Amino acid sequence: MNVHINTNNNYLRLRCTYHGKRYTLALGGLKDTKTNRKKLNALILEIESDIEQEQLDTTLKKYKIQVGDNDRFTCLELFQQWLKHKANFVDTRTLDWYKVVARNITESDLAERSAEIDNDTATAFYHWLKCSNLKPDTIRRRIEALKACWDWGINRYVVKNNPWAEIGSLIKAPQLDRPQPFTVDEVRKILSGFEEFYPELFPFVKFLLGTGCRLGEARAIEWKDVSADCSKVEIKAQLSRSGKRKPTKTGKNRVLILPPSLQQMLSSMKGKGRKLVFAFQGEPISDYGFYSRWRRVLKKIGVEYRKPYNTRHTFVSHCIDDNCNPVEIAQQTGHSVRVLFDHYAGSLGSSPKLPEMFREK
């Protein structure tokens, strides 16, 4: 254990050694009790994680806000401290989204209020968001961010209660329409369109449509992830929109077993001396660049626009319609079987034929 709990005159403090130097973190008069020691577990884990990643804040300022007088933190200050914590774990795009929530706090009357707000104040903020003409799902996600922030505050002994927990569970986002997969004819047009207008992106699009792979995961595939005969591809990571490499969405690796057409395609692409399997003009495929080219191609070929992610819906829906084994589809795509049926079954317009349960004698 890199971090140790120590006492001084019956008050707790933390000690750790980093690069041969010893550091002591006073805890603002936190008494040595069994309950207070438990409350330090999350802080200890955070410091140990920073030490392992060579990111310890040697000024200790990052960790001093964990305990102390609750009244000295306003809602805005608490959220800003949580943002600093989240910056160590999320990409830039996600952090920018959280900053929008911080701006909402600033624009409302929450900014200068003590972080120990009650349920009525939290409810008033929810109604303030509703008056901003935001979609219910957007409001729900922002309340979830606030709930996560206050949960973090409770674990760090900054606040005692979470006023957002009940509100988040009461917000019901409208059910989304089922995705509209591309038909076989539309798939052929899309492939022909990319082969004509952006031939360098053609293999990438064919791979998406033929495997149902997530875009970020396909962009991150390296040749070392492909078997020697190109019959298998191991999905180990994804590229975020900012280009940062990170674990797969589920946090688990999986292996795609490729059909002969994709196996042959990858075999023909080997030996080009690049690290990534799919690239554009010698660089990793840009998320934004691909979206704009995708839109352009669909417009030129006369196919109704759906986002590139619809390639995943298309693959799964056609597999289900062709009576493929649901468990195998889920293994291939990284879904759960339940999600597979909840979101994709019947999306091609087919419906199960009901058996005749009660026959007349």
Protein backbone atom coordinates (compact mmCIF):
# COMPACT_ATOMS: atom_id res chain seq x y z
CA MET A 1 0.00 0.00 0.00
CA ASN A 2 1.51 3.35 -1.06
CA VAL A 3 -0.63 5.55 1.22
CA HIS A 4 -0.85 5.12 4.99
CA ILE A 5 -3.27 6.55 7.56
CA ASN A 6 -1.49 8.22 10.42
CA THR A 7 -2.73 10.06 13.52
CA ASN A 8 -1.54 13.18 15.29
CA ASN A 9 -3.24 14.09 18.59
CA ASN A 10 -6.21 11.89 17.60
CA TYR A 11 -6.59 13.61 14.21
CA LEU A 12 -6.16 11.72 10.97
CA ARG A 13 -3.63 12.46 8.27
CA LEU A 14 -2.27 10.59 5.26
CA ARG A 15 1.34 9.82 4.43
CA CYS A 16 2.92 8.54 1.24
CA THR A 17 6.34 8.29 -0.38
CA TYR A 18 6.82 9.41 -3.98
CA HIS A 19 10.15 9.31 -5.82
CA GLY A 20 11.92 8.87 -2.52
CA LYS A 21 10.29 11.90 -0.89
CA ARG A 22 7.81 11.67 1.95
CA TYR A 23 4.54 13.62 1.85
CA THR A 24 2.04 14.28 4.66
CA LEU A 25 -1.52 15.39 4.00
CA ALA A 26 -3.37 17.02 6.89
CA LEU A 27 -7.10 16.42 6.80
CA GLY A 28 -8.58 19.60 8.21
CA GLY A 29 -9.22 18.35 11.73
CA LEU A 30 -10.79 15.00 10.84
CA LYS A 31 -10.99 12.96 14.05
CA ASP A 32 -9.76 9.39 14.24
CA THR A 33 -12.97 7.38 14.19
CA LYS A 34 -13.92 4.15 12.44
CA THR A 35 -16.41 6.00 10.24
CA ASN A 36 -13.91 8.67 9.21
CA ARG A 37 -11.29 6.05 8.35
CA LYS A 38 -13.79 4.38 6.00
CA LYS A 39 -14.49 7.71 4.36
CA LEU A 40 -10.81 8.02 3.48
CA ASN A 41 -10.80 4.86 1.35
CA ALA A 42 -11.79 6.63 -1.88
CA LEU A 43 -9.18 9.36 -1.34
CA ILE A 44 -6.48 6.77 -0.65
CA LEU A 45 -7.34 4.90 -3.84
CA GLU A 46 -7.17 8.13 -5.85
CA ILE A 47 -3.75 9.06 -4.46
CA GLU A 48 -2.42 5.54 -5.04
CA SER A 49 -3.72 5.63 -8.60
CA ASP A 50 -1.96 8.95 -9.21
CA ILE A 51 1.28 7.52 -7.79
CA GLU A 52 1.07 4.47 -10.07
CA GLN A 53 0.49 6.70 -13.10
CA GLU A 54 3.30 9.08 -12.11
CA GLN A 55 0.73 11.88 -11.73
CA LEU A 56 0.84 12.70 -8.02
CA ASP A 57 0.11 16.35 -7.31
CA THR A 58 3.10 17.02 -5.07
CA THR A 59 1.56 20.27 -3.85
CA LEU A 60 -1.23 18.07 -2.39
CA LYS A 61 -3.74 20.80 -3.28
CA LYS A 62 -5.68 18.37 -5.40
CA TYR A 63 -6.38 16.21 -2.35
CA LYS A 64 -6.94 18.83 0.34
CA ILE A 65 -10.51 19.50 -0.77
CA GLN A 66 -11.54 15.98 0.10
CA VAL A 67 -12.56 16.77 3.71
CA GLY A 68 -13.33 19.76 5.85
CA ASP A 69 -16.01 22.34 6.46
CA ASN A 70 -18.94 21.59 4.15
CA ASP A 71 -20.15 25.18 4.09
CA ARG A 72 -17.03 26.52 2.40
CA PHE A 73 -17.94 24.80 -0.89
CA THR A 74 -20.54 26.24 -3.20
CA CYS A 75 -22.29 24.11 -5.81
CA LEU A 76 -20.08 25.57 -8.53
CA GLU A 77 -16.88 24.96 -6.56
CA LEU A 78 -17.84 21.36 -5.89
CA PHE A 79 -18.62 20.72 -9.55
CA GLN A 80 -15.34 22.36 -10.65
CA GLN A 81 -13.39 20.14 -8.26
CA TRP A 82 -15.21 17.10 -9.65
CA LEU A 83 -14.26 18.22 -13.16
CA LYS A 84 -10.60 18.28 -12.18
CA HIS A 85 -11.00 14.73 -10.89
CA LYS A 86 -12.81 13.53 -14.05
CA ALA A 87 -10.15 15.09 -16.29
CA ASN A 88 -7.86 12.22 -15.27
CA PHE A 89 -10.24 9.60 -16.64
CA VAL A 90 -12.28 10.95 -19.58
CA ASP A 91 -11.38 12.32 -23.00
CA THR A 92 -11.52 15.98 -23.99
CA ARG A 93 -14.88 15.69 -25.72
CA THR A 94 -16.57 14.21 -22.63
CA LEU A 95 -14.97 16.84 -20.44
CA ASP A 96 -16.29 19.58 -22.72
CA TRP A 97 -19.78 18.15 -22.29
CA TYR A 98 -19.43 18.30 -18.51
CA LYS A 99 -18.32 21.92 -18.79
CA VAL A 100 -21.73 22.73 -20.29
CA VAL A 101 -23.27 21.54 -17.01
CA ALA A 102 -20.87 23.82 -15.12
CA ARG A 103 -22.08 26.69 -17.31
CA ASN A 104 -25.69 25.82 -16.43
CA ILE A 105 -24.81 26.04 -12.74
CA THR A 106 -23.14 29.42 -13.31
CA GLU A 107 -26.15 30.79 -15.19
CA SER A 108 -28.64 29.65 -12.54
CA ASP A 109 -28.88 30.66 -8.89
CA LEU A 110 -27.03 27.50 -7.83
CA ALA A 111 -23.55 28.93 -8.38
CA GLU A 112 -23.15 30.68 -5.00
CA ARG A 113 -25.31 28.32 -2.97
CA SER A 114 -23.74 25.95 -0.47
CA ALA A 115 -23.17 22.47 -1.88
CA GLU A 116 -25.46 21.19 0.89
CA ILE A 117 -28.62 21.99 -1.06
CA ASP A 118 -31.97 20.34 -0.36
CA ASN A 119 -34.30 18.42 -2.69
CA ASP A 120 -36.50 21.48 -3.31
CA THR A 121 -33.52 23.48 -4.59
CA ALA A 122 -32.43 20.62 -6.83
CA THR A 123 -35.99 20.29 -8.16
CA ALA A 124 -36.09 24.03 -8.91
CA PHE A 125 -32.88 23.67 -10.94
CA TYR A 126 -34.46 20.77 -12.86
CA HIS A 127 -37.42 23.00 -13.79
CA TRP A 128 -34.97 25.74 -14.78
CA LEU A 129 -33.38 23.30 -17.22
CA LYS A 130 -36.83 22.38 -18.57
CA CYS A 131 -37.50 26.05 -19.35
CA SER A 132 -34.36 26.07 -21.51
CA ASN A 133 -36.19 23.92 -24.10
CA LEU A 134 -33.72 21.07 -23.71
CA LYS A 135 -34.71 17.56 -24.72
CA PRO A 136 -35.73 15.27 -21.82
CA ASP A 137 -32.79 12.95 -22.48
CA THR A 138 -30.36 15.89 -22.37
CA ILE A 139 -31.81 17.07 -19.06
CA ARG A 140 -31.61 13.54 -17.66
CA ARG A 141 -27.93 13.25 -18.61
CA ARG A 142 -27.12 16.59 -16.98
CA ILE A 143 -28.88 15.59 -13.77
CA GLU A 144 -26.93 12.31 -13.89
CA ALA A 145 -23.69 14.31 -14.06
CA LEU A 146 -24.75 16.29 -11.00
CA LYS A 147 -25.69 13.08 -9.19
CA ALA A 148 -22.25 11.62 -9.97
CA CYS A 149 -20.60 14.81 -8.72
CA TRP A 150 -22.47 14.77 -5.40
CA ASP A 151 -21.79 11.03 -4.99
CA TRP A 152 -18.12 11.86 -5.38
CA GLY A 153 -18.52 14.64 -2.83
CA ILE A 154 -20.12 12.26 -0.33
CA ASN A 155 -17.28 9.75 -0.76
CA ARG A 156 -14.79 12.58 -0.14
CA TYR A 157 -16.65 13.84 2.93
CA VAL A 158 -17.45 17.17 1.24
CA VAL A 159 -21.24 16.85 1.34
CA LYS A 160 -23.57 14.66 3.37
CA ASN A 161 -26.55 14.13 1.06
CA ASN A 162 -27.23 13.77 -2.66
CA PRO A 163 -30.31 15.82 -3.67
CA TRP A 164 -30.07 14.69 -7.31
CA ALA A 165 -30.55 10.94 -6.80
CA GLU A 166 -34.35 10.93 -6.72
CA ILE A 167 -34.75 13.52 -9.50
CA GLY A 168 -32.64 11.50 -11.94
CA SER A 169 -34.74 8.39 -11.42
CA LEU A 170 -37.98 10.31 -12.06
CA ILE A 171 -36.99 11.75 -15.45
CA LYS A 172 -38.32 9.52 -18.18
CA ALA A 173 -36.80 10.14 -21.60
CA PRO A 174 -39.09 9.38 -24.54
CA GLN A 175 -38.53 6.03 -26.19
CA LEU A 176 -36.33 6.40 -29.25
CA ASP A 177 -37.54 5.20 -32.63
CA ARG A 178 -36.03 1.95 -33.82
CA PRO A 179 -33.03 2.45 -36.10
CA GLN A 180 -33.77 2.19 -39.81
CA PRO A 181 -31.15 -0.16 -41.24
CA PHE A 182 -30.01 0.13 -44.83
CA THR A 183 -31.58 -2.33 -47.25
CA VAL A 184 -29.44 -4.71 -49.30
CA ASP A 185 -29.88 -2.43 -52.32
CA GLU A 186 -28.84 0.63 -50.28
CA VAL A 187 -25.77 -1.20 -48.98
CA ARG A 188 -24.70 -1.97 -52.54
CA LYS A 189 -25.17 1.67 -53.54
CA ILE A 190 -23.15 2.89 -50.54
CA LEU A 191 -20.27 0.55 -51.32
CA SER A 192 -20.30 1.55 -54.98
CA GLY A 193 -20.43 5.21 -54.00
CA PHE A 194 -17.36 5.01 -51.77
CA GLU A 195 -15.51 2.91 -54.32
CA GLU A 196 -16.13 5.70 -56.85
CA PHE A 197 -15.71 8.86 -54.78
CA TYR A 198 -13.46 7.82 -51.87
CA PRO A 199 -11.79 4.51 -52.81
CA GLU A 200 -9.35 4.80 -49.90
CA LEU A 201 -12.30 4.67 -47.47
CA PHE A 202 -14.05 1.82 -49.31
CA PRO A 203 -12.39 -0.98 -47.22
CA PHE A 204 -13.31 0.81 -43.99
CA VAL A 205 -16.97 1.14 -45.00
CA LYS A 206 -17.13 -2.45 -46.22
CA PHE A 207 -15.66 -3.62 -42.93
CA LEU A 208 -18.24 -1.63 -40.92
CA LEU A 209 -21.16 -3.00 -42.92
CA GLY A 210 -19.77 -6.54 -42.90
CA THR A 211 -18.99 -6.81 -39.18
CA GLY A 212 -21.19 -4.31 -37.31
CA CYS A 213 -18.06 -3.05 -35.60
CA ARG A 214 -18.27 0.28 -33.76
CA LEU A 215 -16.64 3.11 -35.72
CA GLY A 216 -14.15 4.02 -33.01
CA GLU A 217 -13.11 0.39 -32.61
CA ALA A 218 -12.66 -0.12 -36.36
CA ARG A 219 -10.54 3.05 -36.60
CA ALA A 220 -8.25 1.69 -33.86
CA ILE A 221 -7.52 -1.74 -35.41
CA GLU A 222 -3.79 -2.33 -35.96
CA TRP A 223 -2.22 -5.00 -38.15
CA LYS A 224 -0.91 -6.75 -35.05
CA ASP A 225 -4.57 -7.35 -34.12
CA VAL A 226 -5.19 -9.26 -37.37
CA SER A 227 -4.39 -12.97 -37.68
CA ALA A 228 -1.79 -14.09 -40.23
CA ASP A 229 -4.44 -15.36 -42.64
CA CYS A 230 -6.70 -12.33 -42.01
CA SER A 231 -9.57 -14.56 -40.90
CA LYS A 232 -9.75 -13.04 -37.41
CA VAL A 233 -9.50 -9.56 -35.93
CA GLU A 234 -9.17 -8.88 -32.22
CA ILE A 235 -10.90 -5.70 -31.07
CA LYS A 236 -8.72 -4.32 -28.27
CA ALA A 237 -9.30 -0.56 -28.25
CA GLN A 238 -11.15 2.39 -29.75
CA LEU A 239 -10.16 5.84 -30.94
CA SER A 240 -12.13 8.71 -29.45
CA ARG A 241 -13.23 11.61 -31.62
CA SER A 242 -10.21 13.52 -30.39
CA GLY A 243 -7.98 10.68 -31.60
CA LYS A 244 -7.13 9.37 -28.14
CA ARG A 245 -6.70 5.61 -27.86
CA LYS A 246 -8.72 4.06 -25.03
CA PRO A 247 -10.31 0.70 -24.04
CA THR A 248 -13.33 -0.68 -25.89
CA LYS A 249 -16.77 0.58 -24.90
CA THR A 250 -17.45 -2.51 -22.80
CA GLY A 251 -13.89 -2.64 -21.44
CA LYS A 252 -13.49 -6.15 -22.88
CA ASN A 253 -11.63 -7.47 -25.91
CA ARG A 254 -13.44 -9.62 -28.45
CA VAL A 255 -12.55 -11.50 -31.63
CA LEU A 256 -14.33 -11.02 -34.95
CA ILE A 257 -14.47 -14.03 -37.27
CA LEU A 258 -14.46 -12.55 -40.75
CA PRO A 259 -16.38 -13.87 -43.77
CA PRO A 260 -14.31 -14.82 -46.85
CA SER A 261 -14.97 -11.50 -48.63
CA LEU A 262 -13.51 -9.43 -45.78
CA GLN A 263 -10.69 -11.91 -45.24
CA GLN A 264 -9.73 -11.55 -48.90
CA MET A 265 -10.01 -7.75 -48.71
CA LEU A 266 -7.66 -7.50 -45.72
CA SER A 267 -5.20 -9.94 -47.31
CA SER A 268 -4.97 -7.66 -50.34
CA MET A 269 -4.25 -4.65 -48.08
CA LYS A 270 -1.33 -6.18 -46.15
CA GLY A 271 2.23 -5.01 -46.58
CA LYS A 272 1.59 -1.28 -47.00
CA GLY A 273 3.93 -0.48 -44.12
CA ARG A 274 1.45 1.26 -41.85
CA LYS A 275 0.44 0.53 -38.27
CA LEU A 276 -3.32 1.00 -38.63
CA VAL A 277 -5.38 -1.23 -40.90
CA PHE A 278 -7.68 1.60 -41.98
CA ALA A 279 -6.37 5.08 -42.75
CA PHE A 280 -7.11 8.05 -44.99
CA GLN A 281 -4.31 9.87 -46.76
CA GLY A 282 -1.80 8.13 -44.53
CA GLU A 283 -3.43 9.34 -41.28
CA PRO A 284 -5.91 7.79 -38.80
CA ILE A 285 -9.43 8.21 -40.10
CA SER A 286 -10.86 11.41 -38.65
CA ASP A 287 -14.26 10.99 -37.06
CA TYR A 288 -15.49 14.38 -38.27
CA GLY A 289 -13.90 13.99 -41.69
CA PHE A 290 -15.51 10.60 -42.21
CA TYR A 291 -18.93 11.94 -41.19
CA SER A 292 -18.76 14.72 -43.79
CA ARG A 293 -17.64 12.35 -46.56
CA TRP A 294 -20.31 9.84 -45.54
CA ARG A 295 -23.00 12.52 -45.86
CA ARG A 296 -21.61 13.63 -49.22
CA VAL A 297 -21.63 10.11 -50.68
CA LEU A 298 -25.18 9.33 -49.51
CA LYS A 299 -26.39 12.55 -51.09
CA LYS A 300 -24.71 11.76 -54.41
CA ILE A 301 -26.11 8.22 -54.62
CA GLY A 302 -29.62 9.23 -53.52
CA VAL A 303 -29.81 7.20 -50.28
CA GLU A 304 -31.72 8.70 -47.35
CA TYR A 305 -29.24 9.96 -44.77
CA ARG A 306 -28.62 7.94 -41.66
CA LYS A 307 -25.56 8.32 -39.47
CA PRO A 308 -22.53 6.08 -40.12
CA TYR A 309 -23.33 4.26 -36.87
CA ASN A 310 -26.30 2.85 -38.77
CA THR A 311 -23.85 0.41 -40.36
CA ARG A 312 -23.91 -1.38 -37.01
CA HIS A 313 -27.72 -1.41 -36.90
CA THR A 314 -27.75 -2.70 -40.46
CA PHE A 315 -25.42 -5.61 -39.76
CA VAL A 316 -27.28 -6.73 -36.63
CA SER A 317 -30.75 -6.34 -38.14
CA HIS A 318 -29.90 -8.33 -41.26
CA CYS A 319 -28.28 -11.07 -39.15
CA ILE A 320 -31.43 -11.36 -37.04
CA ASP A 321 -33.61 -11.35 -40.15
CA ASP A 322 -31.48 -14.16 -41.60
CA ASN A 323 -32.05 -16.22 -38.43
CA CYS A 324 -28.43 -16.10 -37.28
CA ASN A 325 -27.71 -17.32 -33.76
CA PRO A 326 -28.37 -14.33 -31.42
CA VAL A 327 -25.59 -15.39 -29.03
CA GLU A 328 -23.06 -15.43 -31.87
CA ILE A 329 -24.24 -12.02 -33.10
CA ALA A 330 -23.85 -10.61 -29.60
CA GLN A 331 -20.34 -12.04 -29.31
CA GLN A 332 -19.41 -10.51 -32.66
CA THR A 333 -20.75 -7.05 -31.93
CA GLY A 334 -20.09 -6.76 -28.20
CA HIS A 335 -23.78 -6.41 -27.31
CA SER A 336 -25.72 -8.33 -24.73
CA VAL A 337 -28.39 -10.62 -26.17
CA ARG A 338 -31.06 -8.59 -24.40
CA VAL A 339 -29.89 -5.32 -26.00
CA LEU A 340 -29.81 -7.12 -29.33
CA PHE A 341 -33.52 -7.93 -29.19
CA ASP A 342 -34.63 -4.75 -27.38
CA HIS A 343 -33.10 -2.47 -29.99
CA TYR A 344 -32.86 -4.44 -33.23
CA ALA A 345 -35.40 -7.25 -33.45
CA GLY A 346 -38.08 -6.43 -36.00
CA SER A 347 -36.29 -3.33 -37.30
CA LEU A 348 -36.37 -4.63 -40.86
CA GLY A 349 -40.13 -4.81 -40.79
CA SER A 350 -40.34 -8.52 -40.09
CA SER A 351 -42.47 -9.71 -37.20
CA PRO A 352 -42.53 -13.09 -35.50
CA LYS A 353 -45.32 -15.40 -36.61
CA LEU A 354 -47.48 -16.21 -33.61
CA PRO A 355 -48.22 -19.90 -33.08
CA GLU A 356 -51.79 -21.15 -32.91
CA MET A 357 -52.03 -21.74 -29.16
CA PHE A 358 -55.69 -22.73 -28.90
CA ARG A 359 -57.00 -24.94 -31.67
CA GLU A 360 -60.64 -25.79 -32.01
CA LYS A 361 -61.37 -29.46 -31.64
